[in-house]
Amino acid sequence: MDTGDLAGILTNPDDVEEFIASGIDFLAPSVGNVHGDYGPKGPELDLERLQGIFKSMNGRVRLVLHGTNDTTGIDSSVHQGWSDQGERE
C-alpha cells in the first residue's frame, strides 16, 4: 500500500481542538500509519504533522497510534517522543 495515497484522510492539527471539545479521552490521529503491511517502502509517517498534533493536544488527551508495529527505519528517539507524549498502541 502506498501511504502517499492517504493524504486526504490525514488528521489536521487544526482539527484537534474540535475533537477534544467533543469529549474524547484519547486521540488516534492518522499521520500515514495504517494497519497491516506497509509494502516495500515501509512506513511513511508524517512526523511534522504528528508534532503539530502533539502541540495542539497540549497534554489534555492521550495519544493512540494504530498501525505502528512496523516502524523499521524510524529513529528510536521518535518512539521515545511518542511515549513521552502519552502514546499507547
PDB file of N, CA and C in Angstrom:
ATOM      1  N   MET A   1       0.845  -1.177   0.000  1.00  0.00           N
ATOM      2  CA  MET A   1       0.000   0.000   0.000  1.00  0.00           C
ATOM      3  C   MET A   1       0.884   1.230   0.000  1.00  0.00           C
ATOM      4  N   ASP A   2       0.601   2.178  -0.864  1.00  0.00           N
ATOM      5  CA  ASP A   2       1.317   3.445  -0.907  1.00  0.00           C
ATOM      6  C   ASP A   2       0.614   4.419   0.024  1.00  0.00           C
ATOM      7  N   THR A   3       1.237   4.712   1.159  1.00  0.00           N
ATOM      8  CA  THR A   3       0.581   5.590   2.126  1.00  0.00           C
ATOM      9  C   THR A   3       0.473   7.016   1.618  1.00  0.00           C
ATOM     10  N   GLY A   4       1.174   7.354   0.538  1.00  0.00           N
ATOM     11  CA  GLY A   4       1.031   8.676  -0.059  1.00  0.00           C
ATOM     12  C   GLY A   4      -0.377   8.912  -0.573  1.00  0.00           C
ATOM     13  N   ASP A   5      -1.096   7.844  -0.885  1.00  0.00           N
ATOM     14  CA  ASP A   5      -2.474   7.954  -1.355  1.00  0.00           C
ATOM     15  C   ASP A   5      -3.438   8.312  -0.231  1.00  0.00           C
ATOM     16  N   LEU A   6      -2.959   8.361   0.997  1.00  0.00           N
ATOM     17  CA  LEU A   6      -3.819   8.618   2.150  1.00  0.00           C
ATOM     18  C   LEU A   6      -3.860  10.091   2.546  1.00  0.00           C
ATOM     19  N   ALA A   7      -3.222  10.957   1.784  1.00  0.00           N
ATOM     20  CA  ALA A   7      -3.090  12.369   2.171  1.00  0.00           C
ATOM     21  C   ALA A   7      -4.426  13.014   2.522  1.00  0.00           C
ATOM     22  N   GLY A   8      -5.485  12.661   1.845  1.00  0.00           N
ATOM     23  CA  GLY A   8      -6.790  13.269   2.089  1.00  0.00           C
ATOM     24  C   GLY A   8      -7.435  12.881   3.404  1.00  0.00           C
ATOM     25  N   ILE A   9      -6.945  11.830   4.041  1.00  0.00           N
ATOM     26  CA  ILE A   9      -7.564  11.401   5.303  1.00  0.00           C
ATOM     27  C   ILE A   9      -6.651  11.597   6.512  1.00  0.00           C
ATOM     28  N   LEU A  10      -5.543  12.301   6.314  1.00  0.00           N
ATOM     29  CA  LEU A  10      -4.639  12.551   7.430  1.00  0.00           C
ATOM     30  C   LEU A  10      -5.253  13.574   8.378  1.00  0.00           C
ATOM     31  N   THR A  11      -4.995  13.407   9.665  1.00  0.00           N
ATOM     32  CA  THR A  11      -5.512  14.322  10.679  1.00  0.00           C
ATOM     33  C   THR A  11      -4.812  15.667  10.564  1.00  0.00           C
ATOM     34  N   ASN A  12      -5.601  16.718  10.560  1.00  0.00           N
ATOM     35  CA  ASN A  12      -5.078  18.080  10.506  1.00  0.00           C
ATOM     36  C   ASN A  12      -4.907  18.581  11.942  1.00  0.00           C
ATOM     37  N   PRO A  13      -3.726  19.052  12.313  1.00  0.00           N
ATOM     38  CA  PRO A  13      -3.538  19.561  13.680  1.00  0.00           C
ATOM     39  C   PRO A  13      -4.551  20.643  14.062  1.00  0.00           C
ATOM     40  N   ASP A  14      -5.043  21.388  13.079  1.00  0.00           N
ATOM     41  CA  ASP A  14      -6.032  22.434  13.356  1.00  0.00           C
ATOM     42  C   ASP A  14      -7.375  21.858  13.791  1.00  0.00           C
ATOM     43  N   ASP A  15      -7.630  20.581  13.503  1.00  0.00           N
ATOM     44  CA  ASP A  15      -8.900  19.949  13.866  1.00  0.00           C
ATOM     45  C   ASP A  15      -8.883  19.320  15.256  1.00  0.00           C
ATOM     46  N   VAL A  16      -7.724  19.269  15.884  1.00  0.00           N
ATOM     47  CA  VAL A  16      -7.592  18.612  17.187  1.00  0.00           C
ATOM     48  C   VAL A  16      -8.502  19.260  18.223  1.00  0.00           C
ATOM     49  N   GLU A  17      -8.602  20.571  18.211  1.00  0.00           N
ATOM     50  CA  GLU A  17      -9.438  21.282  19.183  1.00  0.00           C
ATOM     51  C   GLU A  17     -10.888  20.811  19.104  1.00  0.00           C
ATOM     52  N   GLU A  18     -11.372  20.620  17.888  1.00  0.00           N
ATOM     53  CA  GLU A  18     -12.751  20.147  17.701  1.00  0.00           C
ATOM     54  C   GLU A  18     -12.926  18.734  18.268  1.00  0.00           C
ATOM     55  N   PHE A  19     -11.941  17.872  18.025  1.00  0.00           N
ATOM     56  CA  PHE A  19     -12.008  16.517  18.580  1.00  0.00           C
ATOM     57  C   PHE A  19     -12.052  16.565  20.103  1.00  0.00           C
ATOM     58  N   ILE A  20     -11.178  17.363  20.701  1.00  0.00           N
ATOM     59  CA  ILE A  20     -11.119  17.457  22.162  1.00  0.00           C
ATOM     60  C   ILE A  20     -12.420  18.021  22.721  1.00  0.00           C
ATOM     61  N   ALA A  21     -12.974  19.017  22.055  1.00  0.00           N
ATOM     62  CA  ALA A  21     -14.228  19.631  22.508  1.00  0.00           C
ATOM     63  C   ALA A  21     -15.386  18.637  22.494  1.00  0.00           C
ATOM     64  N   SER A  22     -15.271  17.580  21.688  1.00  0.00           N
ATOM     65  CA  SER A  22     -16.342  16.583  21.619  1.00  0.00           C
ATOM     66  C   SER A  22     -16.349  15.661  22.842  1.00  0.00           C
ATOM     67  N   GLY A  23     -15.330  15.772  23.708  1.00  0.00           N
ATOM     68  CA  GLY A  23     -15.307  14.989  24.936  1.00  0.00           C
ATOM     69  C   GLY A  23     -14.454  13.734  24.896  1.00  0.00           C
ATOM     70  N   ILE A  24     -13.576  13.619  23.918  1.00  0.00           N
ATOM     71  CA  ILE A  24     -12.739  12.421  23.823  1.00  0.00           C
ATOM     72  C   ILE A  24     -11.733  12.349  24.974  1.00  0.00           C
ATOM     73  N   ASP A  25     -11.283  11.146  25.272  1.00  0.00           N
ATOM     74  CA  ASP A  25     -10.202  10.928  26.228  1.00  0.00           C
ATOM     75  C   ASP A  25      -8.907  10.542  25.518  1.00  0.00           C
ATOM     76  N   PHE A  26      -9.042   9.970  24.323  1.00  0.00           N
ATOM     77  CA  PHE A  26      -7.914   9.508  23.529  1.00  0.00           C
ATOM     78  C   PHE A  26      -8.081  10.014  22.107  1.00  0.00           C
ATOM     79  N   LEU A  27      -6.970  10.334  21.452  1.00  0.00           N
ATOM     80  CA  LEU A  27      -6.989  10.743  20.053  1.00  0.00           C
ATOM     81  C   LEU A  27      -6.106   9.785  19.272  1.00  0.00           C
ATOM     82  N   ALA A  28      -6.664   9.178  18.226  1.00  0.00           N
ATOM     83  CA  ALA A  28      -5.924   8.258  17.364  1.00  0.00           C
ATOM     84  C   ALA A  28      -5.815   8.899  15.982  1.00  0.00           C
ATOM     85  N   PRO A  29      -4.838   9.783  15.790  1.00  0.00           N
ATOM     86  CA  PRO A  29      -4.732  10.503  14.528  1.00  0.00           C
ATOM     87  C   PRO A  29      -4.189   9.635  13.402  1.00  0.00           C
ATOM     88  N   SER A  30      -4.456  10.087  12.209  1.00  0.00           N
ATOM     89  CA  SER A  30      -3.905   9.459  11.021  1.00  0.00           C
ATOM     90  C   SER A  30      -2.756  10.334  10.526  1.00  0.00           C
ATOM     91  N   VAL A  31      -1.543   9.779  10.564  1.00  0.00           N
ATOM     92  CA  VAL A  31      -0.356  10.510  10.114  1.00  0.00           C
ATOM     93  C   VAL A  31       0.448   9.670   9.117  1.00  0.00           C
ATOM     94  N   GLY A  32      -0.261   8.802   8.389  1.00  0.00           N
ATOM     95  CA  GLY A  32       0.393   7.889   7.460  1.00  0.00           C
ATOM     96  C   GLY A  32       0.484   6.482   8.011  1.00  0.00           C
ATOM     97  N   ASN A  33       0.009   6.296   9.234  1.00  0.00           N
ATOM     98  CA  ASN A  33       0.014   4.980   9.868  1.00  0.00           C
ATOM     99  C   ASN A  33      -1.203   4.193   9.396  1.00  0.00           C
ATOM    100  N   VAL A  34      -0.982   2.922   9.105  1.00  0.00           N
ATOM    101  CA  VAL A  34      -2.062   2.053   8.641  1.00  0.00           C
ATOM    102  C   VAL A  34      -1.925   0.696   9.315  1.00  0.00           C
ATOM    103  N   HIS A  35      -3.033  -0.028   9.414  1.00  0.00           N
ATOM    104  CA  HIS A  35      -2.984  -1.408   9.900  1.00  0.00           C
ATOM    105  C   HIS A  35      -2.549  -2.298   8.744  1.00  0.00           C
ATOM    106  N   GLY A  36      -1.814  -3.323   9.053  1.00  0.00           N
ATOM    107  CA  GLY A  36      -1.385  -4.259   8.021  1.00  0.00           C
ATOM    108  C   GLY A  36      -0.008  -3.914   7.478  1.00  0.00           C
ATOM    109  N   ASP A  37       0.321  -4.519   6.345  1.00  0.00           N
ATOM    110  CA  ASP A  37       1.637  -4.337   5.745  1.00  0.00           C
ATOM    111  C   ASP A  37       1.762  -2.970   5.090  1.00  0.00           C
ATOM    112  N   TYR A  38       2.925  -2.371   5.238  1.00  0.00           N
ATOM    113  CA  TYR A  38       3.205  -1.084   4.614  1.00  0.00           C
ATOM    114  C   TYR A  38       3.709  -1.220   3.191  1.00  0.00           C
ATOM    115  N   GLY A  39       4.134  -2.389   2.813  1.00  0.00           N
ATOM    116  CA  GLY A  39       4.675  -2.562   1.478  1.00  0.00           C
ATOM    117  C   GLY A  39       6.177  -2.328   1.462  1.00  0.00           C
ATOM    118  N   PRO A  40       6.770  -2.370   0.267  1.00  0.00           N
ATOM    119  CA  PRO A  40       8.227  -2.329   0.162  1.00  0.00           C
ATOM    120  C   PRO A  40       8.867  -1.025   0.644  1.00  0.00           C
ATOM    121  N   LYS A  41       8.161   0.080   0.604  1.00  0.00           N
ATOM    122  CA  LYS A  41       8.725   1.360   1.044  1.00  0.00           C
ATOM    123  C   LYS A  41       8.751   1.491   2.564  1.00  0.00           C
ATOM    124  N   GLY A  42       7.986   0.658   3.245  1.00  0.00           N
ATOM    125  CA  GLY A  42       7.891   0.772   4.693  1.00  0.00           C
ATOM    126  C   GLY A  42       6.988   1.933   5.079  1.00  0.00           C
ATOM    127  N   PRO A  43       6.928   2.247   6.367  1.00  0.00           N
ATOM    128  CA  PRO A  43       6.046   3.322   6.823  1.00  0.00           C
ATOM    129  C   PRO A  43       6.533   4.687   6.342  1.00  0.00           C
ATOM    130  N   GLU A  44       5.591   5.532   5.987  1.00  0.00           N
ATOM    131  CA  GLU A  44       5.891   6.904   5.583  1.00  0.00           C
ATOM    132  C   GLU A  44       5.091   7.823   6.498  1.00  0.00           C
ATOM    133  N   LEU A  45       5.555   7.943   7.725  1.00  0.00           N
ATOM    134  CA  LEU A  45       4.837   8.724   8.723  1.00  0.00           C
ATOM    135  C   LEU A  45       5.177  10.203   8.585  1.00  0.00           C
ATOM    136  N   ASP A  46       4.168  11.048   8.680  1.00  0.00           N
ATOM    137  CA  ASP A  46       4.346  12.496   8.621  1.00  0.00           C
ATOM    138  C   ASP A  46       4.630  12.975  10.045  1.00  0.00           C
ATOM    139  N   LEU A  47       5.904  12.958  10.403  1.00  0.00           N
ATOM    140  CA  LEU A  47       6.291  13.276  11.779  1.00  0.00           C
ATOM    141  C   LEU A  47       6.089  14.753  12.115  1.00  0.00           C
ATOM    142  N   GLU A  48       6.181  15.634  11.121  1.00  0.00           N
ATOM    143  CA  GLU A  48       5.879  17.051  11.368  1.00  0.00           C
ATOM    144  C   GLU A  48       4.410  17.228  11.727  1.00  0.00           C
ATOM    145  N   ARG A  49       3.546  16.528  11.013  1.00  0.00           N
ATOM    146  CA  ARG A  49       2.111  16.575  11.301  1.00  0.00           C
ATOM    147  C   ARG A  49       1.856  16.052  12.719  1.00  0.00           C
ATOM    148  N   LEU A  50       2.519  14.951  13.060  1.00  0.00           N
ATOM    149  CA  LEU A  50       2.350  14.371  14.388  1.00  0.00           C
ATOM    150  C   LEU A  50       2.809  15.352  15.470  1.00  0.00           C
ATOM    151  N   GLN A  51       3.900  16.049  15.234  1.00  0.00           N
ATOM    152  CA  GLN A  51       4.379  17.036  16.201  1.00  0.00           C
ATOM    153  C   GLN A  51       3.358  18.164  16.365  1.00  0.00           C
ATOM    154  N   GLY A  52       2.749  18.596  15.266  1.00  0.00           N
ATOM    155  CA  GLY A  52       1.708  19.622  15.338  1.00  0.00           C
ATOM    156  C   GLY A  52       0.503  19.148  16.137  1.00  0.00           C
ATOM    157  N   ILE A  53       0.167  17.879  15.986  1.00  0.00           N
ATOM    158  CA  ILE A  53      -0.941  17.289  16.740  1.00  0.00           C
ATOM    159  C   ILE A  53      -0.592  17.254  18.226  1.00  0.00           C
ATOM    160  N   PHE A  54       0.649  16.845  18.557  1.00  0.00           N
ATOM    161  CA  PHE A  54       1.102  16.852  19.958  1.00  0.00           C
ATOM    162  C   PHE A  54       0.918  18.239  20.563  1.00  0.00           C
ATOM    163  N   LYS A  55       1.377  19.256  19.825  1.00  0.00           N
ATOM    164  CA  LYS A  55       1.279  20.630  20.340  1.00  0.00           C
ATOM    165  C   LYS A  55      -0.169  21.022  20.570  1.00  0.00           C
ATOM    166  N   SER A  56      -1.038  20.687  19.639  1.00  0.00           N
ATOM    167  CA  SER A  56      -2.455  21.034  19.758  1.00  0.00           C
ATOM    168  C   SER A  56      -3.119  20.304  20.919  1.00  0.00           C
ATOM    169  N   MET A  57      -2.691  19.074  21.179  1.00  0.00           N
ATOM    170  CA  MET A  57      -3.269  18.292  22.276  1.00  0.00           C
ATOM    171  C   MET A  57      -2.913  18.903  23.625  1.00  0.00           C
ATOM    172  N   ASN A  58      -1.715  19.428  23.736  1.00  0.00           N
ATOM    173  CA  ASN A  58      -1.258  20.123  24.942  1.00  0.00           C
ATOM    174  C   ASN A  58      -1.508  19.319  26.223  1.00  0.00           C
ATOM    175  N   GLY A  59      -1.354  17.984  26.130  1.00  0.00           N
ATOM    176  CA  GLY A  59      -1.494  17.127  27.305  1.00  0.00           C
ATOM    177  C   GLY A  59      -2.918  16.919  27.790  1.00  0.00           C
ATOM    178  N   ARG A  60      -3.909  17.379  27.042  1.00  0.00           N
ATOM    179  CA  ARG A  60      -5.303  17.294  27.502  1.00  0.00           C
ATOM    180  C   ARG A  60      -5.942  15.942  27.247  1.00  0.00           C
ATOM    181  N   VAL A  61      -5.442  15.201  26.278  1.00  0.00           N
ATOM    182  CA  VAL A  61      -5.934  13.852  25.980  1.00  0.00           C
ATOM    183  C   VAL A  61      -4.729  12.963  25.709  1.00  0.00           C
ATOM    184  N   ARG A  62      -4.958  11.668  25.720  1.00  0.00           N
ATOM    185  CA  ARG A  62      -3.899  10.701  25.434  1.00  0.00           C
ATOM    186  C   ARG A  62      -3.840  10.428  23.939  1.00  0.00           C
ATOM    187  N   LEU A  63      -2.654  10.089  23.472  1.00  0.00           N
ATOM    188  CA  LEU A  63      -2.422   9.782  22.072  1.00  0.00           C
ATOM    189  C   LEU A  63      -2.413   8.275  21.870  1.00  0.00           C
ATOM    190  N   VAL A  64      -3.090   7.812  20.833  1.00  0.00           N
ATOM    191  CA  VAL A  64      -3.077   6.404  20.436  1.00  0.00           C
ATOM    192  C   VAL A  64      -2.610   6.360  18.989  1.00  0.00           C
ATOM    193  N   LEU A  65      -1.595   5.564  18.704  1.00  0.00           N
ATOM    194  CA  LEU A  65      -1.122   5.424  17.330  1.00  0.00           C
ATOM    195  C   LEU A  65      -1.345   3.993  16.874  1.00  0.00           C
ATOM    196  N   HIS A  66      -2.328   3.804  16.020  1.00  0.00           N
ATOM    197  CA  HIS A  66      -2.615   2.487  15.461  1.00  0.00           C
ATOM    198  C   HIS A  66      -1.682   2.226  14.288  1.00  0.00           C
ATOM    199  N   GLY A  67      -1.382   0.961  14.053  1.00  0.00           N
ATOM    200  CA  GLY A  67      -0.610   0.582  12.877  1.00  0.00           C
ATOM    201  C   GLY A  67       0.837   1.007  12.928  1.00  0.00           C
ATOM    202  N   THR A  68       1.414   1.059  14.113  1.00  0.00           N
ATOM    203  CA  THR A  68       2.816   1.471  14.217  1.00  0.00           C
ATOM    204  C   THR A  68       3.723   0.323  14.639  1.00  0.00           C
ATOM    205  N   ASN A  69       3.259  -0.907  14.427  1.00  0.00           N
ATOM    206  CA  ASN A  69       4.078  -2.047  14.824  1.00  0.00           C
ATOM    207  C   ASN A  69       5.283  -2.224  13.906  1.00  0.00           C
ATOM    208  N   ASP A  70       5.199  -1.788  12.651  1.00  0.00           N
ATOM    209  CA  ASP A  70       6.325  -1.902  11.717  1.00  0.00           C
ATOM    210  C   ASP A  70       6.877  -0.508  11.453  1.00  0.00           C
ATOM    211  N   THR A  71       7.725  -0.050  12.337  1.00  0.00           N
ATOM    212  CA  THR A  71       8.310   1.278  12.152  1.00  0.00           C
ATOM    213  C   THR A  71       9.808   1.151  11.907  1.00  0.00           C
ATOM    214  N   THR A  72      10.178   0.145  11.106  1.00  0.00           N
ATOM    215  CA  THR A  72      11.563  -0.055  10.722  1.00  0.00           C
ATOM    216  C   THR A  72      12.091   1.222  10.078  1.00  0.00           C
ATOM    217  N   GLY A  73      13.246   1.649  10.501  1.00  0.00           N
ATOM    218  CA  GLY A  73      13.844   2.839   9.923  1.00  0.00           C
ATOM    219  C   GLY A  73      13.494   4.120  10.656  1.00  0.00           C
ATOM    220  N   ILE A  74      12.574   4.042  11.604  1.00  0.00           N
ATOM    221  CA  ILE A  74      12.221   5.215  12.402  1.00  0.00           C
ATOM    222  C   ILE A  74      13.162   5.250  13.608  1.00  0.00           C
ATOM    223  N   ASP A  75      13.842   6.353  13.803  1.00  0.00           N
ATOM    224  CA  ASP A  75      14.807   6.503  14.892  1.00  0.00           C
ATOM    225  C   ASP A  75      14.158   6.210  16.243  1.00  0.00           C
ATOM    226  N   SER A  76      14.899   5.544  17.132  1.00  0.00           N
ATOM    227  CA  SER A  76      14.350   5.171  18.439  1.00  0.00           C
ATOM    228  C   SER A  76      13.953   6.391  19.262  1.00  0.00           C
ATOM    229  N   SER A  77      14.565   7.544  19.019  1.00  0.00           N
ATOM    230  CA  SER A  77      14.187   8.752  19.755  1.00  0.00           C
ATOM    231  C   SER A  77      12.769   9.182  19.402  1.00  0.00           C
ATOM    232  N   VAL A  78      12.325   8.854  18.191  1.00  0.00           N
ATOM    233  CA  VAL A  78      10.947   9.161  17.792  1.00  0.00           C
ATOM    234  C   VAL A  78       9.991   8.332  18.635  1.00  0.00           C
ATOM    235  N   HIS A  79      10.304   7.044  18.799  1.00  0.00           N
ATOM    236  CA  HIS A  79       9.476   6.180  19.645  1.00  0.00           C
ATOM    237  C   HIS A  79       9.416   6.730  21.066  1.00  0.00           C
ATOM    238  N   GLN A  80      10.553   7.183  21.583  1.00  0.00           N
ATOM    239  CA  GLN A  80      10.579   7.746  22.930  1.00  0.00           C
ATOM    240  C   GLN A  80       9.724   9.005  22.988  1.00  0.00           C
ATOM    241  N   GLY A  81       9.772   9.813  21.949  1.00  0.00           N
ATOM    242  CA  GLY A  81       8.949  11.021  21.895  1.00  0.00           C
ATOM    243  C   GLY A  81       7.472  10.692  21.920  1.00  0.00           C
ATOM    244  N   TRP A  82       7.086   9.632  21.198  1.00  0.00           N
ATOM    245  CA  TRP A  82       5.685   9.217  21.218  1.00  0.00           C
ATOM    246  C   TRP A  82       5.285   8.831  22.627  1.00  0.00           C
ATOM    247  N   SER A  83       6.138   8.047  23.267  1.00  0.00           N
ATOM    248  CA  SER A  83       5.852   7.595  24.623  1.00  0.00           C
ATOM    249  C   SER A  83       5.782   8.774  25.589  1.00  0.00           C
ATOM    250  N   ASP A  84       6.679   9.733  25.432  1.00  0.00           N
ATOM    251  CA  ASP A  84       6.679  10.922  26.286  1.00  0.00           C
ATOM    252  C   ASP A  84       5.385  11.714  26.148  1.00  0.00           C
ATOM    253  N   GLN A  85       4.763  11.628  24.984  1.00  0.00           N
ATOM    254  CA  GLN A  85       3.515  12.343  24.739  1.00  0.00           C
ATOM    255  C   GLN A  85       2.304  11.541  25.205  1.00  0.00           C
ATOM    256  N   GLY A  86       2.548  10.366  25.778  1.00  0.00           N
ATOM    257  CA  GLY A  86       1.445   9.559  26.288  1.00  0.00           C
ATOM    258  C   GLY A  86       0.891   8.582  25.280  1.00  0.00           C
ATOM    259  N   GLU A  87       1.644   8.301  24.217  1.00  0.00           N
ATOM    260  CA  GLU A  87       1.174   7.401  23.166  1.00  0.00           C
ATOM    261  C   GLU A  87       0.969   6.003  23.716  1.00  0.00           C
ATOM    262  N   ARG A  88      -0.119   5.398  23.294  1.00  0.00           N
ATOM    263  CA  ARG A  88      -0.413   3.998  23.584  1.00  0.00           C
ATOM    264  C   ARG A  88      -0.852   3.344  22.289  1.00  0.00           C
ATOM    265  N   GLU A  89      -0.504   2.070  22.116  1.00  0.00           N
ATOM    266  CA  GLU A  89      -0.929   1.389  20.897  1.00  0.00           C
ATOM    267  C   GLU A  89      -2.049   0.439  21.219  1.00  0.00           C
TER     268      GLU A  89
END
